[in-house]
Amino acid sequence: MYVVCKEHVEIALDEFVDEYEGQAPDVYLLKDVSFTAWNAPATCDHCDQEPKYLIV
């Protein structure tokens, strides 16, 4: 699972495909998803910007 800003979506997609042997991820806008036992991090996985996307 990756939580990233707009700038790092392509990098996160590439990492996901590499890690999960070619499986295509699902991409969600963070503002449109919520989970009872999970809070989105305050920053992108690759920088200090606010994250916009969840890639799973």
PDB file of N, CA and C in Angstrom:
ATOM      1  N   MET A   1       0.853  -1.168   0.000  1.00  0.00           N
ATOM      2  CA  MET A   1       0.000   0.000   0.000  1.00  0.00           C
ATOM      3  C   MET A   1       0.899   1.231   0.000  1.00  0.00           C
ATOM      4  N   TYR A   2       0.547   2.180  -0.837  1.00  0.00           N
ATOM      5  CA  TYR A   2       1.306   3.420  -0.939  1.00  0.00           C
ATOM      6  C   TYR A   2       0.356   4.596  -0.781  1.00  0.00           C
ATOM      7  N   VAL A   3       0.824   5.619  -0.101  1.00  0.00           N
ATOM      8  CA  VAL A   3       0.072   6.860   0.053  1.00  0.00           C
ATOM      9  C   VAL A   3       0.981   7.951  -0.491  1.00  0.00           C
ATOM     10  N   VAL A   4       0.552   8.567  -1.601  1.00  0.00           N
ATOM     11  CA  VAL A   4       1.455   9.464  -2.312  1.00  0.00           C
ATOM     12  C   VAL A   4       0.775  10.742  -2.790  1.00  0.00           C
ATOM     13  N   CYS A   5       1.611  11.733  -3.066  1.00  0.00           N
ATOM     14  CA  CYS A   5       1.142  12.984  -3.661  1.00  0.00           C
ATOM     15  C   CYS A   5       1.036  12.784  -5.176  1.00  0.00           C
ATOM     16  N   LYS A   6       0.521  13.791  -5.859  1.00  0.00           N
ATOM     17  CA  LYS A   6       0.328  13.711  -7.309  1.00  0.00           C
ATOM     18  C   LYS A   6       1.647  13.480  -8.045  1.00  0.00           C
ATOM     19  N   GLU A   7       2.718  14.105  -7.563  1.00  0.00           N
ATOM     20  CA  GLU A   7       4.024  13.986  -8.216  1.00  0.00           C
ATOM     21  C   GLU A   7       4.578  12.568  -8.203  1.00  0.00           C
ATOM     22  N   HIS A   8       4.224  11.788  -7.189  1.00  0.00           N
ATOM     23  CA  HIS A   8       4.838  10.474  -7.020  1.00  0.00           C
ATOM     24  C   HIS A   8       3.922   9.293  -7.353  1.00  0.00           C
ATOM     25  N   VAL A   9       2.810   9.555  -8.006  1.00  0.00           N
ATOM     26  CA  VAL A   9       1.887   8.468  -8.374  1.00  0.00           C
ATOM     27  C   VAL A   9       2.578   7.467  -9.300  1.00  0.00           C
ATOM     28  N   GLU A  10       3.244   7.937 -10.328  1.00  0.00           N
ATOM     29  CA  GLU A  10       3.877   7.025 -11.289  1.00  0.00           C
ATOM     30  C   GLU A  10       4.942   6.162 -10.623  1.00  0.00           C
ATOM     31  N   ILE A  11       5.716   6.739  -9.731  1.00  0.00           N
ATOM     32  CA  ILE A  11       6.740   5.968  -9.019  1.00  0.00           C
ATOM     33  C   ILE A  11       6.086   4.891  -8.173  1.00  0.00           C
ATOM     34  N   ALA A  12       5.034   5.245  -7.445  1.00  0.00           N
ATOM     35  CA  ALA A  12       4.340   4.278  -6.597  1.00  0.00           C
ATOM     36  C   ALA A  12       3.704   3.170  -7.441  1.00  0.00           C
ATOM     37  N   LEU A  13       3.149   3.507  -8.589  1.00  0.00           N
ATOM     38  CA  LEU A  13       2.572   2.484  -9.474  1.00  0.00           C
ATOM     39  C   LEU A  13       3.654   1.511  -9.937  1.00  0.00           C
ATOM     40  N   ASP A  14       4.800   2.034 -10.340  1.00  0.00           N
ATOM     41  CA  ASP A  14       5.909   1.176 -10.765  1.00  0.00           C
ATOM     42  C   ASP A  14       6.377   0.278  -9.631  1.00  0.00           C
ATOM     43  N   GLU A  15       6.516   0.821  -8.430  1.00  0.00           N
ATOM     44  CA  GLU A  15       6.945   0.038  -7.279  1.00  0.00           C
ATOM     45  C   GLU A  15       5.938  -1.063  -6.959  1.00  0.00           C
ATOM     46  N   PHE A  16       4.651  -0.739  -7.035  1.00  0.00           N
ATOM     47  CA  PHE A  16       3.609  -1.729  -6.758  1.00  0.00           C
ATOM     48  C   PHE A  16       3.700  -2.883  -7.757  1.00  0.00           C
ATOM     49  N   VAL A  17       3.786  -2.550  -9.038  1.00  0.00           N
ATOM     50  CA  VAL A  17       3.851  -3.586 -10.079  1.00  0.00           C
ATOM     51  C   VAL A  17       5.094  -4.454  -9.892  1.00  0.00           C
ATOM     52  N   ASP A  18       6.222  -3.840  -9.556  1.00  0.00           N
ATOM     53  CA  ASP A  18       7.445  -4.603  -9.307  1.00  0.00           C
ATOM     54  C   ASP A  18       7.294  -5.520  -8.100  1.00  0.00           C
ATOM     55  N   GLU A  19       6.727  -4.991  -7.030  1.00  0.00           N
ATOM     56  CA  GLU A  19       6.602  -5.756  -5.788  1.00  0.00           C
ATOM     57  C   GLU A  19       5.599  -6.897  -5.912  1.00  0.00           C
ATOM     58  N   TYR A  20       4.513  -6.667  -6.617  1.00  0.00           N
ATOM     59  CA  TYR A  20       3.452  -7.679  -6.702  1.00  0.00           C
ATOM     60  C   TYR A  20       3.427  -8.372  -8.062  1.00  0.00           C
ATOM     61  N   GLU A  21       4.590  -8.469  -8.687  1.00  0.00           N
ATOM     62  CA  GLU A  21       4.825  -9.261  -9.892  1.00  0.00           C
ATOM     63  C   GLU A  21       3.819  -9.001 -11.007  1.00  0.00           C
ATOM     64  N   GLY A  22       3.662  -7.744 -11.355  1.00  0.00           N
ATOM     65  CA  GLY A  22       2.858  -7.392 -12.506  1.00  0.00           C
ATOM     66  C   GLY A  22       1.378  -7.166 -12.261  1.00  0.00           C
ATOM     67  N   GLN A  23       0.916  -7.362 -11.029  1.00  0.00           N
ATOM     68  CA  GLN A  23      -0.498  -7.108 -10.749  1.00  0.00           C
ATOM     69  C   GLN A  23      -0.772  -5.608 -10.798  1.00  0.00           C
ATOM     70  N   ALA A  24      -1.896  -5.265 -11.373  1.00  0.00           N
ATOM     71  CA  ALA A  24      -2.279  -3.850 -11.451  1.00  0.00           C
ATOM     72  C   ALA A  24      -2.902  -3.408 -10.130  1.00  0.00           C
ATOM     73  N   PRO A  25      -2.491  -2.266  -9.600  1.00  0.00           N
ATOM     74  CA  PRO A  25      -3.059  -1.779  -8.340  1.00  0.00           C
ATOM     75  C   PRO A  25      -4.380  -1.052  -8.549  1.00  0.00           C
ATOM     76  N   ASP A  26      -5.087  -0.866  -7.461  1.00  0.00           N
ATOM     77  CA  ASP A  26      -6.248   0.011  -7.430  1.00  0.00           C
ATOM     78  C   ASP A  26      -5.769   1.361  -6.914  1.00  0.00           C
ATOM     79  N   VAL A  27      -6.263   2.434  -7.512  1.00  0.00           N
ATOM     80  CA  VAL A  27      -5.864   3.782  -7.125  1.00  0.00           C
ATOM     81  C   VAL A  27      -7.109   4.536  -6.664  1.00  0.00           C
ATOM     82  N   TYR A  28      -7.027   5.106  -5.460  1.00  0.00           N
ATOM     83  CA  TYR A  28      -8.155   5.834  -4.882  1.00  0.00           C
ATOM     84  C   TYR A  28      -7.709   7.233  -4.476  1.00  0.00           C
ATOM     85  N   LEU A  29      -8.595   8.184  -4.562  1.00  0.00           N
ATOM     86  CA  LEU A  29      -8.356   9.492  -3.969  1.00  0.00           C
ATOM     87  C   LEU A  29      -8.523   9.347  -2.462  1.00  0.00           C
ATOM     88  N   LEU A  30      -7.573   9.825  -1.706  1.00  0.00           N
ATOM     89  CA  LEU A  30      -7.649   9.689  -0.245  1.00  0.00           C
ATOM     90  C   LEU A  30      -8.901  10.322   0.329  1.00  0.00           C
ATOM     91  N   LYS A  31      -9.345  11.422  -0.268  1.00  0.00           N
ATOM     92  CA  LYS A  31     -10.522  12.105   0.265  1.00  0.00           C
ATOM     93  C   LYS A  31     -11.791  11.274   0.100  1.00  0.00           C
ATOM     94  N   ASP A  32     -11.747  10.246  -0.767  1.00  0.00           N
ATOM     95  CA  ASP A  32     -12.928   9.437  -1.041  1.00  0.00           C
ATOM     96  C   ASP A  32     -12.963   8.109  -0.293  1.00  0.00           C
ATOM     97  N   VAL A  33     -11.918   7.798   0.478  1.00  0.00           N
ATOM     98  CA  VAL A  33     -11.882   6.519   1.193  1.00  0.00           C
ATOM     99  C   VAL A  33     -11.660   6.746   2.685  1.00  0.00           C
ATOM    100  N   SER A  34     -12.155   5.804   3.467  1.00  0.00           N
ATOM    101  CA  SER A  34     -11.886   5.828   4.907  1.00  0.00           C
ATOM    102  C   SER A  34     -11.986   4.406   5.434  1.00  0.00           C
ATOM    103  N   PHE A  35     -11.214   4.127   6.452  1.00  0.00           N
ATOM    104  CA  PHE A  35     -11.200   2.829   7.104  1.00  0.00           C
ATOM    105  C   PHE A  35     -11.315   3.068   8.600  1.00  0.00           C
ATOM    106  N   THR A  36     -12.007   2.194   9.307  1.00  0.00           N
ATOM    107  CA  THR A  36     -12.219   2.413  10.741  1.00  0.00           C
ATOM    108  C   THR A  36     -10.929   2.308  11.547  1.00  0.00           C
ATOM    109  N   ALA A  37     -10.018   1.445  11.167  1.00  0.00           N
ATOM    110  CA  ALA A  37      -8.811   1.239  11.970  1.00  0.00           C
ATOM    111  C   ALA A  37      -7.554   1.790  11.297  1.00  0.00           C
ATOM    112  N   TRP A  38      -7.702   2.780  10.418  1.00  0.00           N
ATOM    113  CA  TRP A  38      -6.543   3.324   9.709  1.00  0.00           C
ATOM    114  C   TRP A  38      -6.737   4.804   9.447  1.00  0.00           C
ATOM    115  N   ASN A  39      -5.707   5.557   9.742  1.00  0.00           N
ATOM    116  CA  ASN A  39      -5.678   6.979   9.417  1.00  0.00           C
ATOM    117  C   ASN A  39      -4.576   7.205   8.393  1.00  0.00           C
ATOM    118  N   ALA A  40      -4.870   7.972   7.384  1.00  0.00           N
ATOM    119  CA  ALA A  40      -3.871   8.262   6.352  1.00  0.00           C
ATOM    120  C   ALA A  40      -2.712   9.045   6.960  1.00  0.00           C
ATOM    121  N   PRO A  41      -1.498   8.758   6.510  1.00  0.00           N
ATOM    122  CA  PRO A  41      -0.358   9.537   6.989  1.00  0.00           C
ATOM    123  C   PRO A  41      -0.461  10.997   6.553  1.00  0.00           C
ATOM    124  N   ALA A  42       0.248  11.849   7.233  1.00  0.00           N
ATOM    125  CA  ALA A  42       0.199  13.285   6.941  1.00  0.00           C
ATOM    126  C   ALA A  42       1.040  13.675   5.734  1.00  0.00           C
ATOM    127  N   THR A  43       1.979  12.805   5.344  1.00  0.00           N
ATOM    128  CA  THR A  43       2.863  13.129   4.227  1.00  0.00           C
ATOM    129  C   THR A  43       2.948  11.962   3.240  1.00  0.00           C
ATOM    130  N   CYS A  44       3.331  12.301   2.041  1.00  0.00           N
ATOM    131  CA  CYS A  44       3.568  11.350   0.960  1.00  0.00           C
ATOM    132  C   CYS A  44       4.657  10.361   1.377  1.00  0.00           C
ATOM    133  N   ASP A  45       4.590   9.132   0.868  1.00  0.00           N
ATOM    134  CA  ASP A  45       5.622   8.128   1.151  1.00  0.00           C
ATOM    135  C   ASP A  45       6.985   8.499   0.578  1.00  0.00           C
ATOM    136  N   HIS A  46       7.012   9.450  -0.371  1.00  0.00           N
ATOM    137  CA  HIS A  46       8.261   9.794  -1.051  1.00  0.00           C
ATOM    138  C   HIS A  46       8.747  11.220  -0.798  1.00  0.00           C
ATOM    139  N   CYS A  47       7.933  12.042  -0.148  1.00  0.00           N
ATOM    140  CA  CYS A  47       8.339  13.430   0.112  1.00  0.00           C
ATOM    141  C   CYS A  47       7.511  13.983   1.276  1.00  0.00           C
ATOM    142  N   ASP A  48       7.603  15.264   1.511  1.00  0.00           N
ATOM    143  CA  ASP A  48       6.894  15.890   2.629  1.00  0.00           C
ATOM    144  C   ASP A  48       5.593  16.574   2.228  1.00  0.00           C
ATOM    145  N   GLN A  49       5.142  16.354   1.000  1.00  0.00           N
ATOM    146  CA  GLN A  49       3.894  16.957   0.557  1.00  0.00           C
ATOM    147  C   GLN A  49       2.690  16.178   1.094  1.00  0.00           C
ATOM    148  N   GLU A  50       1.538  16.831   1.048  1.00  0.00           N
ATOM    149  CA  GLU A  50       0.300  16.194   1.477  1.00  0.00           C
ATOM    150  C   GLU A  50      -0.067  15.082   0.478  1.00  0.00           C
ATOM    151  N   PRO A  51      -0.379  13.890   0.962  1.00  0.00           N
ATOM    152  CA  PRO A  51      -0.747  12.802   0.052  1.00  0.00           C
ATOM    153  C   PRO A  51      -2.140  12.999  -0.511  1.00  0.00           C
ATOM    154  N   LYS A  52      -2.350  12.563  -1.741  1.00  0.00           N
ATOM    155  CA  LYS A  52      -3.636  12.687  -2.424  1.00  0.00           C
ATOM    156  C   LYS A  52      -4.211  11.332  -2.832  1.00  0.00           C
ATOM    157  N   TYR A  53      -3.340  10.319  -2.980  1.00  0.00           N
ATOM    158  CA  TYR A  53      -3.759   9.035  -3.534  1.00  0.00           C
ATOM    159  C   TYR A  53      -3.364   7.871  -2.638  1.00  0.00           C
ATOM    160  N   LEU A  54      -4.217   6.856  -2.641  1.00  0.00           N
ATOM    161  CA  LEU A  54      -3.954   5.578  -1.980  1.00  0.00           C
ATOM    162  C   LEU A  54      -3.840   4.551  -3.072  1.00  0.00           C
ATOM    163  N   ILE A  55      -2.740   3.824  -3.089  1.00  0.00           N
ATOM    164  CA  ILE A  55      -2.517   2.802  -4.103  1.00  0.00           C
ATOM    165  C   ILE A  55      -2.400   1.461  -3.396  1.00  0.00           C
ATOM    166  N   VAL A  56      -3.335   0.565  -3.724  1.00  0.00           N
ATOM    167  CA  VAL A  56      -3.386  -0.767  -3.089  1.00  0.00           C
ATOM    168  C   VAL A  56      -3.594  -1.851  -4.122  1.00  0.00           C
TER     169      VAL A  56
END
